[in-house]
Amino acid sequence: MNVVPLRTIVFQAMFVLIAIAIQSYIFRRQLQVSPRTSIEYAASIELLSVVAGWVLFFIVESLLPQVLRLQLFNFIFLISGRKGWESWGSANGDRDLFPQLFPQAGRTDFAEAGARRTARRSV
């Protein structure tokens, strides 16, 4: 079964287009080159950085322990049902990413802070 992280792909494409536009404007002003040349420079640099970032991501992902790898894939593929960072500290057993990365912070402190903030908004 093939699963495509469509939200991640769309976000990455939009981010690349915005970055190319901003970089080409800066290149055109600072390097005083033609608009076409500045867009070519910006697109080349941005696409190289995106490819390097994804290669680095997959290298690091292959080195992660299984529990963190599953949490990372859940974050990438299933982020649509969550509402921000406060869901990372929720009571999901040993599969929480936040307590594994920051064990000194404690598992419930983060979730309780998010619950208190949500309760204050509803009052």
PDB file of N, CA and C in Angstrom:
ATOM      1  N   MET A   1       0.837  -1.173   0.000  1.00  0.00           N
ATOM      2  CA  MET A   1       0.000   0.000   0.000  1.00  0.00           C
ATOM      3  C   MET A   1       0.887   1.245   0.000  1.00  0.00           C
ATOM      4  N   ASN A   2       0.670   2.143  -0.939  1.00  0.00           N
ATOM      5  CA  ASN A   2       1.439   3.374  -1.035  1.00  0.00           C
ATOM      6  C   ASN A   2       0.680   4.511  -0.374  1.00  0.00           C
ATOM      7  N   VAL A   3       1.391   5.245   0.477  1.00  0.00           N
ATOM      8  CA  VAL A   3       0.807   6.383   1.148  1.00  0.00           C
ATOM      9  C   VAL A   3       1.642   7.606   0.771  1.00  0.00           C
ATOM     10  N   VAL A   4       0.968   8.648   0.326  1.00  0.00           N
ATOM     11  CA  VAL A   4       1.663   9.855  -0.088  1.00  0.00           C
ATOM     12  C   VAL A   4       1.369  10.970   0.919  1.00  0.00           C
ATOM     13  N   PRO A   5       2.412  11.573   1.506  1.00  0.00           N
ATOM     14  CA  PRO A   5       2.182  12.685   2.443  1.00  0.00           C
ATOM     15  C   PRO A   5       1.875  13.970   1.679  1.00  0.00           C
ATOM     16  N   LEU A   6       0.650  14.091   1.218  1.00  0.00           N
ATOM     17  CA  LEU A   6       0.262  15.183   0.329  1.00  0.00           C
ATOM     18  C   LEU A   6       0.434  16.558   0.980  1.00  0.00           C
ATOM     19  N   ARG A   7       0.091  16.677   2.248  1.00  0.00           N
ATOM     20  CA  ARG A   7       0.238  17.971   2.927  1.00  0.00           C
ATOM     21  C   ARG A   7       1.693  18.395   2.979  1.00  0.00           C
ATOM     22  N   THR A   8       2.592  17.468   3.235  1.00  0.00           N
ATOM     23  CA  THR A   8       4.018  17.782   3.282  1.00  0.00           C
ATOM     24  C   THR A   8       4.522  18.204   1.909  1.00  0.00           C
ATOM     25  N   ILE A   9       4.087  17.519   0.880  1.00  0.00           N
ATOM     26  CA  ILE A   9       4.522  17.840  -0.484  1.00  0.00           C
ATOM     27  C   ILE A   9       4.009  19.219  -0.895  1.00  0.00           C
ATOM     28  N   VAL A  10       2.754  19.515  -0.610  1.00  0.00           N
ATOM     29  CA  VAL A  10       2.183  20.816  -0.975  1.00  0.00           C
ATOM     30  C   VAL A  10       2.868  21.933  -0.193  1.00  0.00           C
ATOM     31  N   PHE A  11       3.097  21.731   1.098  1.00  0.00           N
ATOM     32  CA  PHE A  11       3.781  22.739   1.901  1.00  0.00           C
ATOM     33  C   PHE A  11       5.186  22.985   1.375  1.00  0.00           C
ATOM     34  N   GLN A  12       5.906  21.922   1.054  1.00  0.00           N
ATOM     35  CA  GLN A  12       7.270  22.064   0.538  1.00  0.00           C
ATOM     36  C   GLN A  12       7.273  22.821  -0.784  1.00  0.00           C
ATOM     37  N   ALA A  13       6.327  22.514  -1.672  1.00  0.00           N
ATOM     38  CA  ALA A  13       6.258  23.201  -2.965  1.00  0.00           C
ATOM     39  C   ALA A  13       5.946  24.684  -2.781  1.00  0.00           C
ATOM     40  N   MET A  14       5.005  25.008  -1.910  1.00  0.00           N
ATOM     41  CA  MET A  14       4.677  26.413  -1.664  1.00  0.00           C
ATOM     42  C   MET A  14       5.858  27.148  -1.039  1.00  0.00           C
ATOM     43  N   PHE A  15       6.525  26.508  -0.120  1.00  0.00           N
ATOM     44  CA  PHE A  15       7.684  27.114   0.537  1.00  0.00           C
ATOM     45  C   PHE A  15       8.792  27.387  -0.478  1.00  0.00           C
ATOM     46  N   VAL A  16       9.035  26.432  -1.387  1.00  0.00           N
ATOM     47  CA  VAL A  16      10.073  26.604  -2.405  1.00  0.00           C
ATOM     48  C   VAL A  16       9.720  27.765  -3.331  1.00  0.00           C
ATOM     49  N   LEU A  17       8.477  27.854  -3.749  1.00  0.00           N
ATOM     50  CA  LEU A  17       8.083  28.943  -4.646  1.00  0.00           C
ATOM     51  C   LEU A  17       8.233  30.314  -3.985  1.00  0.00           C
ATOM     52  N   ILE A  18       7.840  30.421  -2.731  1.00  0.00           N
ATOM     53  CA  ILE A  18       7.983  31.689  -2.020  1.00  0.00           C
ATOM     54  C   ILE A  18       9.458  32.027  -1.815  1.00  0.00           C
ATOM     55  N   ALA A  19      10.258  31.029  -1.459  1.00  0.00           N
ATOM     56  CA  ALA A  19      11.687  31.265  -1.250  1.00  0.00           C
ATOM     57  C   ALA A  19      12.371  31.687  -2.545  1.00  0.00           C
ATOM     58  N   ILE A  20      11.993  31.070  -3.663  1.00  0.00           N
ATOM     59  CA  ILE A  20      12.577  31.450  -4.950  1.00  0.00           C
ATOM     60  C   ILE A  20      12.224  32.895  -5.286  1.00  0.00           C
ATOM     61  N   ALA A  21      10.991  33.290  -5.042  1.00  0.00           N
ATOM     62  CA  ALA A  21      10.579  34.662  -5.329  1.00  0.00           C
ATOM     63  C   ALA A  21      11.365  35.669  -4.498  1.00  0.00           C
ATOM     64  N   ILE A  22      11.513  35.389  -3.213  1.00  0.00           N
ATOM     65  CA  ILE A  22      12.240  36.309  -2.331  1.00  0.00           C
ATOM     66  C   ILE A  22      13.716  36.343  -2.700  1.00  0.00           C
ATOM     67  N   GLN A  23      14.321  35.171  -2.910  1.00  0.00           N
ATOM     68  CA  GLN A  23      15.737  35.126  -3.255  1.00  0.00           C
ATOM     69  C   GLN A  23      16.022  35.786  -4.595  1.00  0.00           C
ATOM     70  N   SER A  24      15.159  35.595  -5.573  1.00  0.00           N
ATOM     71  CA  SER A  24      15.404  36.203  -6.880  1.00  0.00           C
ATOM     72  C   SER A  24      15.324  37.725  -6.795  1.00  0.00           C
ATOM     73  N   TYR A  25      14.409  38.242  -5.984  1.00  0.00           N
ATOM     74  CA  TYR A  25      14.330  39.688  -5.786  1.00  0.00           C
ATOM     75  C   TYR A  25      15.626  40.222  -5.177  1.00  0.00           C
ATOM     76  N   ILE A  26      16.126  39.534  -4.157  1.00  0.00           N
ATOM     77  CA  ILE A  26      17.362  39.958  -3.500  1.00  0.00           C
ATOM     78  C   ILE A  26      18.543  39.835  -4.455  1.00  0.00           C
ATOM     79  N   PHE A  27      18.628  38.745  -5.201  1.00  0.00           N
ATOM     80  CA  PHE A  27      19.724  38.593  -6.172  1.00  0.00           C
ATOM     81  C   PHE A  27      19.679  39.692  -7.230  1.00  0.00           C
ATOM     82  N   ARG A  28      18.493  40.006  -7.710  1.00  0.00           N
ATOM     83  CA  ARG A  28      18.369  41.035  -8.739  1.00  0.00           C
ATOM     84  C   ARG A  28      18.821  42.391  -8.202  1.00  0.00           C
ATOM     85  N   ARG A  29      18.468  42.694  -6.953  1.00  0.00           N
ATOM     86  CA  ARG A  29      18.844  43.986  -6.366  1.00  0.00           C
ATOM     87  C   ARG A  29      20.317  44.035  -5.980  1.00  0.00           C
ATOM     88  N   GLN A  30      20.810  42.966  -5.353  1.00  0.00           N
ATOM     89  CA  GLN A  30      22.185  42.989  -4.839  1.00  0.00           C
ATOM     90  C   GLN A  30      23.232  42.696  -5.915  1.00  0.00           C
ATOM     91  N   LEU A  31      22.957  41.731  -6.782  1.00  0.00           N
ATOM     92  CA  LEU A  31      23.928  41.356  -7.819  1.00  0.00           C
ATOM     93  C   LEU A  31      23.726  42.136  -9.111  1.00  0.00           C
ATOM     94  N   GLN A  32      22.612  42.823  -9.221  1.00  0.00           N
ATOM     95  CA  GLN A  32      22.262  43.612 -10.398  1.00  0.00           C
ATOM     96  C   GLN A  32      22.368  42.785 -11.682  1.00  0.00           C
ATOM     97  N   VAL A  33      21.669  41.653 -11.663  1.00  0.00           N
ATOM     98  CA  VAL A  33      21.573  40.790 -12.842  1.00  0.00           C
ATOM     99  C   VAL A  33      20.154  40.884 -13.388  1.00  0.00           C
ATOM    100  N   SER A  34      19.940  40.280 -14.536  1.00  0.00           N
ATOM    101  CA  SER A  34      18.613  40.321 -15.139  1.00  0.00           C
ATOM    102  C   SER A  34      17.619  39.504 -14.301  1.00  0.00           C
ATOM    103  N   PRO A  35      16.326  39.803 -14.430  1.00  0.00           N
ATOM    104  CA  PRO A  35      15.328  39.023 -13.671  1.00  0.00           C
ATOM    105  C   PRO A  35      15.393  37.532 -13.980  1.00  0.00           C
ATOM    106  N   ARG A  36      15.607  37.175 -15.235  1.00  0.00           N
ATOM    107  CA  ARG A  36      15.684  35.760 -15.599  1.00  0.00           C
ATOM    108  C   ARG A  36      16.870  35.075 -14.923  1.00  0.00           C
ATOM    109  N   THR A  37      18.014  35.720 -14.926  1.00  0.00           N
ATOM    110  CA  THR A  37      19.207  35.148 -14.298  1.00  0.00           C
ATOM    111  C   THR A  37      19.022  35.023 -12.791  1.00  0.00           C
ATOM    112  N   SER A  38      18.408  36.028 -12.168  1.00  0.00           N
ATOM    113  CA  SER A  38      18.209  35.959 -10.721  1.00  0.00           C
ATOM    114  C   SER A  38      17.257  34.820 -10.348  1.00  0.00           C
ATOM    115  N   ILE A  39      16.232  34.584 -11.166  1.00  0.00           N
ATOM    116  CA  ILE A  39      15.321  33.462 -10.902  1.00  0.00           C
ATOM    117  C   ILE A  39      16.044  32.136 -11.087  1.00  0.00           C
ATOM    118  N   GLU A  40      16.890  32.034 -12.098  1.00  0.00           N
ATOM    119  CA  GLU A  40      17.647  30.797 -12.309  1.00  0.00           C
ATOM    120  C   GLU A  40      18.579  30.515 -11.136  1.00  0.00           C
ATOM    121  N   TYR A  41      19.281  31.543 -10.653  1.00  0.00           N
ATOM    122  CA  TYR A  41      20.158  31.375  -9.493  1.00  0.00           C
ATOM    123  C   TYR A  41      19.358  30.948  -8.263  1.00  0.00           C
ATOM    124  N   ALA A  42      18.269  31.642  -8.004  1.00  0.00           N
ATOM    125  CA  ALA A  42      17.462  31.338  -6.824  1.00  0.00           C
ATOM    126  C   ALA A  42      16.868  29.934  -6.896  1.00  0.00           C
ATOM    127  N   ALA A  43      16.371  29.548  -8.072  1.00  0.00           N
ATOM    128  CA  ALA A  43      15.793  28.206  -8.220  1.00  0.00           C
ATOM    129  C   ALA A  43      16.856  27.135  -8.040  1.00  0.00           C
ATOM    130  N   SER A  44      18.037  27.356  -8.585  1.00  0.00           N
ATOM    131  CA  SER A  44      19.119  26.367  -8.442  1.00  0.00           C
ATOM    132  C   SER A  44      19.505  26.199  -6.983  1.00  0.00           C
ATOM    133  N   ILE A  45      19.699  27.296  -6.296  1.00  0.00           N
ATOM    134  CA  ILE A  45      20.105  27.227  -4.891  1.00  0.00           C
ATOM    135  C   ILE A  45      19.009  26.598  -4.034  1.00  0.00           C
ATOM    136  N   GLU A  46      17.775  26.986  -4.264  1.00  0.00           N
ATOM    137  CA  GLU A  46      16.673  26.470  -3.448  1.00  0.00           C
ATOM    138  C   GLU A  46      16.448  24.978  -3.688  1.00  0.00           C
ATOM    139  N   LEU A  47      16.466  24.551  -4.942  1.00  0.00           N
ATOM    140  CA  LEU A  47      16.268  23.129  -5.223  1.00  0.00           C
ATOM    141  C   LEU A  47      17.424  22.287  -4.689  1.00  0.00           C
ATOM    142  N   LEU A  48      18.639  22.803  -4.756  1.00  0.00           N
ATOM    143  CA  LEU A  48      19.778  22.083  -4.184  1.00  0.00           C
ATOM    144  C   LEU A  48      19.628  21.941  -2.678  1.00  0.00           C
ATOM    145  N   SER A  49      19.183  23.012  -2.016  1.00  0.00           N
ATOM    146  CA  SER A  49      19.022  22.938  -0.568  1.00  0.00           C
ATOM    147  C   SER A  49      17.875  22.008  -0.163  1.00  0.00           C
ATOM    148  N   VAL A  50      16.788  21.974  -0.950  1.00  0.00           N
ATOM    149  CA  VAL A  50      15.672  21.073  -0.647  1.00  0.00           C
ATOM    150  C   VAL A  50      16.105  19.617  -0.809  1.00  0.00           C
ATOM    151  N   VAL A  51      16.807  19.319  -1.881  1.00  0.00           N
ATOM    152  CA  VAL A  51      17.281  17.942  -2.101  1.00  0.00           C
ATOM    153  C   VAL A  51      18.255  17.539  -0.998  1.00  0.00           C
ATOM    154  N   ALA A  52      19.169  18.427  -0.646  1.00  0.00           N
ATOM    155  CA  ALA A  52      20.119  18.114   0.430  1.00  0.00           C
ATOM    156  C   ALA A  52      19.386  17.911   1.759  1.00  0.00           C
ATOM    157  N   GLY A  53      18.360  18.719   2.015  1.00  0.00           N
ATOM    158  CA  GLY A  53      17.590  18.564   3.254  1.00  0.00           C
ATOM    159  C   GLY A  53      16.859  17.243   3.333  1.00  0.00           C
ATOM    160  N   TRP A  54      16.240  16.810   2.221  1.00  0.00           N
ATOM    161  CA  TRP A  54      15.534  15.533   2.237  1.00  0.00           C
ATOM    162  C   TRP A  54      16.498  14.358   2.322  1.00  0.00           C
ATOM    163  N   VAL A  55      17.654  14.455   1.672  1.00  0.00           N
ATOM    164  CA  VAL A  55      18.658  13.383   1.789  1.00  0.00           C
ATOM    165  C   VAL A  55      19.124  13.284   3.235  1.00  0.00           C
ATOM    166  N   LEU A  56      19.416  14.424   3.861  1.00  0.00           N
ATOM    167  CA  LEU A  56      19.819  14.421   5.267  1.00  0.00           C
ATOM    168  C   LEU A  56      18.710  13.864   6.155  1.00  0.00           C
ATOM    169  N   PHE A  57      17.457  14.232   5.881  1.00  0.00           N
ATOM    170  CA  PHE A  57      16.328  13.719   6.651  1.00  0.00           C
ATOM    171  C   PHE A  57      16.271  12.195   6.589  1.00  0.00           C
ATOM    172  N   PHE A  58      16.399  11.617   5.383  1.00  0.00           N
ATOM    173  CA  PHE A  58      16.302  10.166   5.263  1.00  0.00           C
ATOM    174  C   PHE A  58      17.512   9.458   5.856  1.00  0.00           C
ATOM    175  N   ILE A  59      18.675  10.090   5.860  1.00  0.00           N
ATOM    176  CA  ILE A  59      19.838   9.495   6.524  1.00  0.00           C
ATOM    177  C   ILE A  59      19.622   9.468   8.032  1.00  0.00           C
ATOM    178  N   VAL A  60      19.189  10.595   8.592  1.00  0.00           N
ATOM    179  CA  VAL A  60      18.945  10.662  10.037  1.00  0.00           C
ATOM    180  C   VAL A  60      17.803   9.729  10.425  1.00  0.00           C
ATOM    181  N   GLU A  61      16.760   9.685   9.607  1.00  0.00           N
ATOM    182  CA  GLU A  61      15.608   8.818   9.895  1.00  0.00           C
ATOM    183  C   GLU A  61      16.021   7.357   9.973  1.00  0.00           C
ATOM    184  N   SER A  62      16.957   6.944   9.127  1.00  0.00           N
ATOM    185  CA  SER A  62      17.383   5.538   9.150  1.00  0.00           C
ATOM    186  C   SER A  62      18.193   5.204  10.399  1.00  0.00           C
ATOM    187  N   LEU A  63      18.747   6.215  11.069  1.00  0.00           N
ATOM    188  CA  LEU A  63      19.544   5.981  12.271  1.00  0.00           C
ATOM    189  C   LEU A  63      18.724   6.038  13.563  1.00  0.00           C
ATOM    190  N   LEU A  64      17.475   6.492  13.481  1.00  0.00           N
ATOM    191  CA  LEU A  64      16.633   6.617  14.671  1.00  0.00           C
ATOM    192  C   LEU A  64      16.196   5.256  15.193  1.00  0.00           C
ATOM    193  N   PRO A  65      15.963   5.156  16.502  1.00  0.00           N
ATOM    194  CA  PRO A  65      15.362   3.939  17.044  1.00  0.00           C
ATOM    195  C   PRO A  65      13.934   3.766  16.511  1.00  0.00           C
ATOM    196  N   GLN A  66      13.441   2.565  16.559  1.00  0.00           N
ATOM    197  CA  GLN A  66      12.139   2.245  15.977  1.00  0.00           C
ATOM    198  C   GLN A  66      11.006   3.091  16.571  1.00  0.00           C
ATOM    199  N   VAL A  67      11.043   3.332  17.877  1.00  0.00           N
ATOM    200  CA  VAL A  67       9.971   4.094  18.519  1.00  0.00           C
ATOM    201  C   VAL A  67       9.941   5.528  17.993  1.00  0.00           C
ATOM    202  N   LEU A  68      11.105   6.164  17.904  1.00  0.00           N
ATOM    203  CA  LEU A  68      11.157   7.527  17.389  1.00  0.00           C
ATOM    204  C   LEU A  68      10.834   7.578  15.901  1.00  0.00           C
ATOM    205  N   ARG A  69      11.208   6.555  15.169  1.00  0.00           N
ATOM    206  CA  ARG A  69      10.893   6.503  13.736  1.00  0.00           C
ATOM    207  C   ARG A  69       9.381   6.437  13.523  1.00  0.00           C
ATOM    208  N   LEU A  70       8.692   5.612  14.313  1.00  0.00           N
ATOM    209  CA  LEU A  70       7.237   5.534  14.199  1.00  0.00           C
ATOM    210  C   LEU A  70       6.575   6.859  14.560  1.00  0.00           C
ATOM    211  N   GLN A  71       7.080   7.500  15.617  1.00  0.00           N
ATOM    212  CA  GLN A  71       6.525   8.794  16.015  1.00  0.00           C
ATOM    213  C   GLN A  71       6.765   9.845  14.937  1.00  0.00           C
ATOM    214  N   LEU A  72       7.916   9.813  14.306  1.00  0.00           N
ATOM    215  CA  LEU A  72       8.220  10.751  13.229  1.00  0.00           C
ATOM    216  C   LEU A  72       7.296  10.540  12.043  1.00  0.00           C
ATOM    217  N   PHE A  73       7.064   9.296  11.658  1.00  0.00           N
ATOM    218  CA  PHE A  73       6.154   9.024  10.548  1.00  0.00           C
ATOM    219  C   PHE A  73       4.720   9.410  10.893  1.00  0.00           C
ATOM    220  N   ASN A  74       4.313   9.181  12.131  1.00  0.00           N
ATOM    221  CA  ASN A  74       2.977   9.618  12.546  1.00  0.00           C
ATOM    222  C   ASN A  74       2.861  11.136  12.467  1.00  0.00           C
ATOM    223  N   PHE A  75       3.907  11.837  12.849  1.00  0.00           N
ATOM    224  CA  PHE A  75       3.903  13.295  12.786  1.00  0.00           C
ATOM    225  C   PHE A  75       3.785  13.781  11.344  1.00  0.00           C
ATOM    226  N   ILE A  76       4.520  13.162  10.426  1.00  0.00           N
ATOM    227  CA  ILE A  76       4.513  13.589   9.026  1.00  0.00           C
ATOM    228  C   ILE A  76       3.204  13.226   8.344  1.00  0.00           C
ATOM    229  N   PHE A  77       2.734  12.007   8.536  1.00  0.00           N
ATOM    230  CA  PHE A  77       1.569  11.540   7.796  1.00  0.00           C
ATOM    231  C   PHE A  77       0.244  11.902   8.453  1.00  0.00           C
ATOM    232  N   LEU A  78       0.199  11.995   9.769  1.00  0.00           N
ATOM    233  CA  LEU A  78      -1.081  12.152  10.475  1.00  0.00           C
ATOM    234  C   LEU A  78      -1.181  13.452  11.241  1.00  0.00           C
ATOM    235  N   ILE A  79      -0.443  14.477  10.877  1.00  0.00           N
ATOM    236  CA  ILE A  79      -0.429  15.719  11.628  1.00  0.00           C
ATOM    237  C   ILE A  79      -1.769  16.453  11.541  1.00  0.00           C
ATOM    238  N   SER A  80      -2.606  16.144  10.574  1.00  0.00           N
ATOM    239  CA  SER A  80      -3.827  16.915  10.351  1.00  0.00           C
ATOM    240  C   SER A  80      -4.780  16.871  11.540  1.00  0.00           C
ATOM    241  N   GLY A  81      -4.791  15.811  12.335  1.00  0.00           N
ATOM    242  CA  GLY A  81      -5.725  15.708  13.443  1.00  0.00           C
ATOM    243  C   GLY A  81      -5.236  16.357  14.716  1.00  0.00           C
ATOM    244  N   ARG A  82      -4.018  16.863  14.728  1.00  0.00           N
ATOM    245  CA  ARG A  82      -3.460  17.424  15.948  1.00  0.00           C
ATOM    246  C   ARG A  82      -3.518  18.935  15.928  1.00  0.00           C
ATOM    247  N   LYS A  83      -3.531  19.525  17.111  1.00  0.00           N
ATOM    248  CA  LYS A  83      -3.638  20.977  17.204  1.00  0.00           C
ATOM    249  C   LYS A  83      -2.417  21.536  17.923  1.00  0.00           C
ATOM    250  N   GLY A  84      -1.297  21.528  17.271  1.00  0.00           N
ATOM    251  CA  GLY A  84      -0.105  22.164  17.815  1.00  0.00           C
ATOM    252  C   GLY A  84       0.738  21.243  18.669  1.00  0.00           C
ATOM    253  N   TRP A  85       1.671  21.872  19.372  1.00  0.00           N
ATOM    254  CA  TRP A  85       2.673  21.134  20.134  1.00  0.00           C
ATOM    255  C   TRP A  85       2.115  20.494  21.391  1.00  0.00           C
ATOM    256  N   GLU A  86       1.003  21.002  21.923  1.00  0.00           N
ATOM    257  CA  GLU A  86       0.528  20.444  23.187  1.00  0.00           C
ATOM    258  C   GLU A  86       0.124  18.977  23.060  1.00  0.00           C
ATOM    259  N   SER A  87      -0.161  18.509  21.843  1.00  0.00           N
ATOM    260  CA  SER A  87      -0.546  17.109  21.665  1.00  0.00           C
ATOM    261  C   SER A  87       0.655  16.174  21.773  1.00  0.00           C
ATOM    262  N   TRP A  88       1.873  16.714  21.725  1.00  0.00           N
ATOM    263  CA  TRP A  88       3.052  15.853  21.821  1.00  0.00           C
ATOM    264  C   TRP A  88       3.212  15.279  23.217  1.00  0.00           C
ATOM    265  N   GLY A  89       2.705  15.945  24.216  1.00  0.00           N
ATOM    266  CA  GLY A  89       2.857  15.468  25.580  1.00  0.00           C
ATOM    267  C   GLY A  89       1.655  14.689  26.063  1.00  0.00           C
ATOM    268  N   SER A  90       0.772  14.295  25.181  1.00  0.00           N
ATOM    269  CA  SER A  90      -0.445  13.602  25.586  1.00  0.00           C
ATOM    270  C   SER A  90      -0.121  12.208  26.109  1.00  0.00           C
ATOM    271  N   ALA A  91      -1.077  11.615  26.767  1.00  0.00           N
ATOM    272  CA  ALA A  91      -0.872  10.314  27.402  1.00  0.00           C
ATOM    273  C   ALA A  91      -1.018   9.191  26.382  1.00  0.00           C
ATOM    274  N   ASN A  92       0.006   8.984  25.587  1.00  0.00           N
ATOM    275  CA  ASN A  92       0.011   7.902  24.597  1.00  0.00           C
ATOM    276  C   ASN A  92       0.979   6.792  24.977  1.00  0.00           C
ATOM    277  N   GLY A  93       1.251   6.632  26.226  1.00  0.00           N
ATOM    278  CA  GLY A  93       2.175   5.582  26.631  1.00  0.00           C
ATOM    279  C   GLY A  93       3.609   5.958  26.320  1.00  0.00           C
ATOM    280  N   ASP A  94       4.406   4.979  25.903  1.00  0.00           N
ATOM    281  CA  ASP A  94       5.818   5.209  25.633  1.00  0.00           C
ATOM    282  C   ASP A  94       6.081   5.708  24.227  1.00  0.00           C
ATOM    283  N   ARG A  95       5.072   6.063  23.481  1.00  0.00           N
ATOM    284  CA  ARG A  95       5.275   6.502  22.107  1.00  0.00           C
ATOM    285  C   ARG A  95       5.380   8.018  21.967  1.00  0.00           C
ATOM    286  N   ASP A  96       5.408   8.740  23.061  1.00  0.00           N
ATOM    287  CA  ASP A  96       5.500  10.188  22.989  1.00  0.00           C
ATOM    288  C   ASP A  96       6.910  10.612  22.619  1.00  0.00           C
ATOM    289  N   LEU A  97       7.030  11.489  21.650  1.00  0.00           N
ATOM    290  CA  LEU A  97       8.335  11.964  21.211  1.00  0.00           C
ATOM    291  C   LEU A  97       8.916  12.957  22.202  1.00  0.00           C
ATOM    292  N   PHE A  98       8.111  13.868  22.725  1.00  0.00           N
ATOM    293  CA  PHE A  98       8.612  14.906  23.617  1.00  0.00           C
ATOM    294  C   PHE A  98       9.310  14.341  24.859  1.00  0.00           C
ATOM    295  N   PRO A  99       8.706  13.400  25.596  1.00  0.00           N
ATOM    296  CA  PRO A  99       9.381  12.878  26.776  1.00  0.00           C
ATOM    297  C   PRO A  99      10.649  12.098  26.439  1.00  0.00           C
ATOM    298  N   GLN A 100      10.719  11.504  25.267  1.00  0.00           N
ATOM    299  CA  GLN A 100      11.923  10.767  24.914  1.00  0.00           C
ATOM    300  C   GLN A 100      13.067  11.710  24.564  1.00  0.00           C
ATOM    301  N   LEU A 101      12.740  12.828  23.966  1.00  0.00           N
ATOM    302  CA  LEU A 101      13.777  13.790  23.634  1.00  0.00           C
ATOM    303  C   LEU A 101      14.178  14.631  24.834  1.00  0.00           C
ATOM    304  N   PHE A 102      13.220  14.930  25.718  1.00  0.00           N
ATOM    305  CA  PHE A 102      13.470  15.763  26.875  1.00  0.00           C
ATOM    306  C   PHE A 102      12.959  15.064  28.137  1.00  0.00           C
ATOM    307  N   PRO A 103      13.650  14.026  28.613  1.00  0.00           N
ATOM    308  CA  PRO A 103      13.131  13.262  29.754  1.00  0.00           C
ATOM    309  C   PRO A 103      13.110  14.067  31.045  1.00  0.00           C
ATOM    310  N   GLN A 104      13.963  15.079  31.183  1.00  0.00           N
ATOM    311  CA  GLN A 104      13.986  15.856  32.416  1.00  0.00           C
ATOM    312  C   GLN A 104      12.747  16.731  32.572  1.00  0.00           C
ATOM    313  N   ALA A 105      12.033  16.999  31.477  1.00  0.00           N
ATOM    314  CA  ALA A 105      10.848  17.858  31.545  1.00  0.00           C
ATOM    315  C   ALA A 105       9.649  17.135  32.141  1.00  0.00           C
ATOM    316  N   GLY A 106       9.643  15.835  32.096  1.00  0.00           N
ATOM    317  CA  GLY A 106       8.512  15.091  32.624  1.00  0.00           C
ATOM    318  C   GLY A 106       7.415  14.938  31.590  1.00  0.00           C
ATOM    319  N   ARG A 107       6.697  13.828  31.666  1.00  0.00           N
ATOM    320  CA  ARG A 107       5.690  13.512  30.661  1.00  0.00           C
ATOM    321  C   ARG A 107       4.434  14.343  30.830  1.00  0.00           C
ATOM    322  N   THR A 108       3.990  14.598  32.050  1.00  0.00           N
ATOM    323  CA  THR A 108       2.682  15.213  32.233  1.00  0.00           C
ATOM    324  C   THR A 108       2.731  16.734  32.281  1.00  0.00           C
ATOM    325  N   ASP A 109       3.902  17.327  32.554  1.00  0.00           N
ATOM    326  CA  ASP A 109       3.977  18.782  32.658  1.00  0.00           C
ATOM    327  C   ASP A 109       3.534  19.454  31.361  1.00  0.00           C
ATOM    328  N   PHE A 110       3.988  18.935  30.260  1.00  0.00           N
ATOM    329  CA  PHE A 110       3.696  19.528  28.965  1.00  0.00           C
ATOM    330  C   PHE A 110       2.220  19.372  28.612  1.00  0.00           C
ATOM    331  N   ALA A 111       1.674  18.190  28.857  1.00  0.00           N
ATOM    332  CA  ALA A 111       0.265  17.953  28.553  1.00  0.00           C
ATOM    333  C   ALA A 111      -0.640  18.772  29.462  1.00  0.00           C
ATOM    334  N   GLU A 112      -0.279  18.877  30.732  1.00  0.00           N
ATOM    335  CA  GLU A 112      -1.091  19.649  31.668  1.00  0.00           C
ATOM    336  C   GLU A 112      -1.083  21.129  31.313  1.00  0.00           C
ATOM    337  N   ALA A 113       0.060  21.642  30.865  1.00  0.00           N
ATOM    338  CA  ALA A 113       0.133  23.050  30.468  1.00  0.00           C
ATOM    339  C   ALA A 113      -0.774  23.303  29.275  1.00  0.00           C
ATOM    340  N   GLY A 114      -0.789  22.398  28.319  1.00  0.00           N
ATOM    341  CA  GLY A 114      -1.676  22.543  27.159  1.00  0.00           C
ATOM    342  C   GLY A 114      -3.136  22.447  27.559  1.00  0.00           C
ATOM    343  N   ALA A 115      -3.453  21.556  28.507  1.00  0.00           N
ATOM    344  CA  ALA A 115      -4.836  21.405  28.959  1.00  0.00           C
ATOM    345  C   ALA A 115      -5.292  22.649  29.721  1.00  0.00           C
ATOM    346  N   ARG A 116      -4.407  23.229  30.555  1.00  0.00           N
ATOM    347  CA  ARG A 116      -4.761  24.446  31.285  1.00  0.00           C
ATOM    348  C   ARG A 116      -4.995  25.598  30.321  1.00  0.00           C
ATOM    349  N   ARG A 117      -4.147  25.708  29.288  1.00  0.00           N
ATOM    350  CA  ARG A 117      -4.307  26.792  28.332  1.00  0.00           C
ATOM    351  C   ARG A 117      -5.613  26.643  27.574  1.00  0.00           C
ATOM    352  N   THR A 118      -5.962  25.403  27.197  1.00  0.00           N
ATOM    353  CA  THR A 118      -7.215  25.147  26.503  1.00  0.00           C
ATOM    354  C   THR A 118      -8.399  25.456  27.409  1.00  0.00           C
ATOM    355  N   ALA A 119      -8.320  25.102  28.688  1.00  0.00           N
ATOM    356  CA  ALA A 119      -9.414  25.360  29.626  1.00  0.00           C
ATOM    357  C   ALA A 119      -9.612  26.855  29.837  1.00  0.00           C
ATOM    358  N   ARG A 120      -8.516  27.641  29.859  1.00  0.00           N
ATOM    359  CA  ARG A 120      -8.645  29.080  30.035  1.00  0.00           C
ATOM    360  C   ARG A 120      -9.328  29.724  28.841  1.00  0.00           C
ATOM    361  N   ARG A 121      -9.070  29.209  27.650  1.00  0.00           N
ATOM    362  CA  ARG A 121      -9.690  29.768  26.450  1.00  0.00           C
ATOM    363  C   ARG A 121     -11.196  29.522  26.413  1.00  0.00           C
ATOM    364  N   SER A 122     -11.626  28.385  26.945  1.00  0.00           N
ATOM    365  CA  SER A 122     -13.035  28.032  26.874  1.00  0.00           C
ATOM    366  C   SER A 122     -13.886  28.761  27.906  1.00  0.00           C
ATOM    367  N   VAL A 123     -13.247  29.326  28.934  1.00  0.00           N
ATOM    368  CA  VAL A 123     -13.988  30.019  30.001  1.00  0.00           C
ATOM    369  C   VAL A 123     -14.391  31.393  29.570  1.00  0.00           C
TER     370      VAL A 123
END
